[in-house]
Protein backbone atom coordinates (compact mmCIF):
# COMPACT_ATOMS: atom_id res chain seq x y z
CA MET A 1 0.01 -0.02 -0.07
CA PRO A 2 1.58 3.34 -0.95
CA ASN A 3 2.14 5.90 1.74
CA ILE A 4 0.64 9.06 0.39
CA PHE A 5 1.90 11.08 3.26
CA ARG A 6 5.68 10.53 2.27
CA ASN A 7 5.69 14.00 0.56
CA PRO A 8 2.80 16.49 1.22
CA LEU A 9 3.58 18.28 -1.88
CA ASP A 10 2.39 15.12 -3.91
CA PHE A 11 -1.26 15.57 -2.32
CA PRO A 12 -2.73 17.58 -5.19
CA SER A 13 -1.73 14.96 -7.73
CA GLN A 14 -3.54 12.16 -5.62
CA SER A 15 -6.91 11.18 -7.51
CA GLY A 16 -9.00 11.15 -4.28
CA ILE A 17 -7.72 14.65 -3.48
CA LYS A 18 -8.70 15.97 -6.85
CA THR A 19 -12.06 14.38 -6.56
CA ALA A 20 -12.60 15.98 -3.30
CA GLY A 21 -11.42 19.39 -4.58
CA ASN A 22 -13.99 19.16 -7.44
CA THR A 23 -16.85 18.16 -5.19
CA ALA A 24 -15.83 20.96 -2.83
CA LYS A 25 -15.95 23.50 -5.84
CA ILE A 26 -19.54 22.43 -6.72
CA PHE A 27 -20.51 22.90 -3.04
CA PHE A 28 -18.91 26.29 -2.74
CA SER A 29 -19.71 27.66 -6.05
CA PRO A 30 -21.37 31.13 -6.03
CA ASP A 31 -24.29 29.57 -7.75
CA ASN A 32 -24.94 27.12 -4.78
CA ARG A 33 -26.59 29.73 -2.69
CA THR A 34 -28.50 27.05 -0.59
CA PHE A 35 -25.20 25.40 0.57
CA ARG A 36 -23.46 28.76 1.08
CA LEU A 37 -26.16 30.07 3.38
CA ALA A 38 -26.47 26.87 5.11
CA ILE A 39 -22.82 27.09 5.96
CA LEU A 40 -22.96 30.65 7.18
CA ALA A 41 -26.02 29.89 9.24
CA TYR A 42 -24.45 26.74 10.76
CA ALA A 43 -21.13 28.69 11.57
CA ARG A 44 -23.00 31.47 13.26
CA MET A 45 -25.18 29.24 15.19
CA ASN A 46 -22.05 27.81 16.69
CA GLY A 47 -20.23 31.18 17.36
CA VAL A 48 -18.10 31.39 14.20
CA ASN A 49 -18.51 34.75 12.69
CA ILE A 50 -17.83 34.09 9.04
CA GLU A 51 -18.75 36.21 6.10
CA GLU A 52 -19.77 35.11 2.57
CA GLU A 53 -16.54 36.66 1.52
CA ASN A 54 -14.68 33.93 3.36
CA ILE A 55 -16.47 31.41 1.37
CA ASP A 56 -15.59 33.33 -1.88
CA ASP A 57 -12.08 33.16 -0.86
CA LEU A 58 -12.05 29.35 -0.43
CA TYR A 59 -13.89 28.95 -3.72
CA ARG A 60 -11.26 31.05 -5.52
CA TYR A 61 -8.54 28.89 -3.96
CA LEU A 62 -10.31 25.74 -4.92
CA GLU A 63 -10.89 27.14 -8.45
CA SER A 64 -7.07 28.07 -8.86
CA GLY A 65 -6.12 24.44 -8.78
CA HIS A 66 -4.49 25.09 -5.42
CA GLU A 67 -1.73 27.19 -6.99
CA SER A 68 -2.81 30.37 -5.27
CA ASP A 69 -1.33 31.37 -1.91
CA PHE A 70 -2.61 29.08 0.89
CA ASP A 71 -1.53 31.75 3.46
CA GLN A 72 -3.84 34.19 2.02
CA LEU A 73 -6.75 31.85 2.10
CA VAL A 74 -6.11 31.20 5.93
CA GLU A 75 -5.05 34.58 7.01
CA GLY A 76 -8.44 35.70 8.49
CA GLY A 77 -9.00 32.26 10.26
CA PRO A 78 -6.82 32.91 13.45
CA ASP A 79 -8.76 36.12 14.03
CA VAL A 80 -12.14 34.36 14.03
CA MET A 81 -10.76 31.52 16.03
CA LYS A 82 -9.30 33.98 18.56
CA ASP A 83 -12.50 35.72 18.98
CA GLN A 84 -14.33 32.39 19.73
CA TYR A 85 -11.72 30.42 21.83
CA GLY A 86 -9.08 32.77 22.91
CA PHE A 87 -5.48 32.77 22.01
CA ASN A 88 -4.19 30.32 24.90
CA GLU A 89 -6.53 27.61 23.64
CA ILE A 90 -5.55 28.05 19.76
CA GLU A 91 -1.85 27.81 20.93
CA GLN A 92 -2.46 24.60 22.80
CA VAL A 93 -4.31 23.09 19.83
CA ALA A 94 -1.71 24.48 17.36
CA GLN A 95 1.13 22.86 19.54
CA LYS A 96 -0.81 19.47 19.54
CA PHE A 97 -1.01 19.46 15.73
CA HIS A 98 2.58 20.15 15.42
CA SER A 99 3.60 17.45 17.62
CA SER A 100 1.15 15.01 15.82
CA GLY A 101 2.46 16.01 12.51
CA GLN A 102 6.12 15.55 13.57
CA ALA A 103 5.48 12.25 14.98
CA CYS A 104 3.50 11.02 11.77
CA MET A 105 6.40 12.35 9.64
CA SER A 106 9.05 10.70 11.57
CA LYS A 107 7.26 7.31 11.04
CA THR A 108 7.22 7.88 7.38
CA ALA A 109 10.86 8.78 6.76
């Protein structure tokens, strides 16, 4: 069984990733108003204040074929998360993700 985690840069070329990306483009398309409104409503009911502009940014990223700057896509995310959870909680979660990622990468080397 191939290890798809060996090189993260290979992710976009994986057929399953392409299929998921194409499916996400359908859902987040500006033409799919129902899904977009459902996402906004769900997020806001759970205390996450996102705007339709955030969904537009995600759609443009997906539409670009993952060649646009990922940092620009997520730059507003920390502010939204900080407002909901607080900086200390976000920092703790980020450290856990980093530790898990390092452990995973050390097993694939």
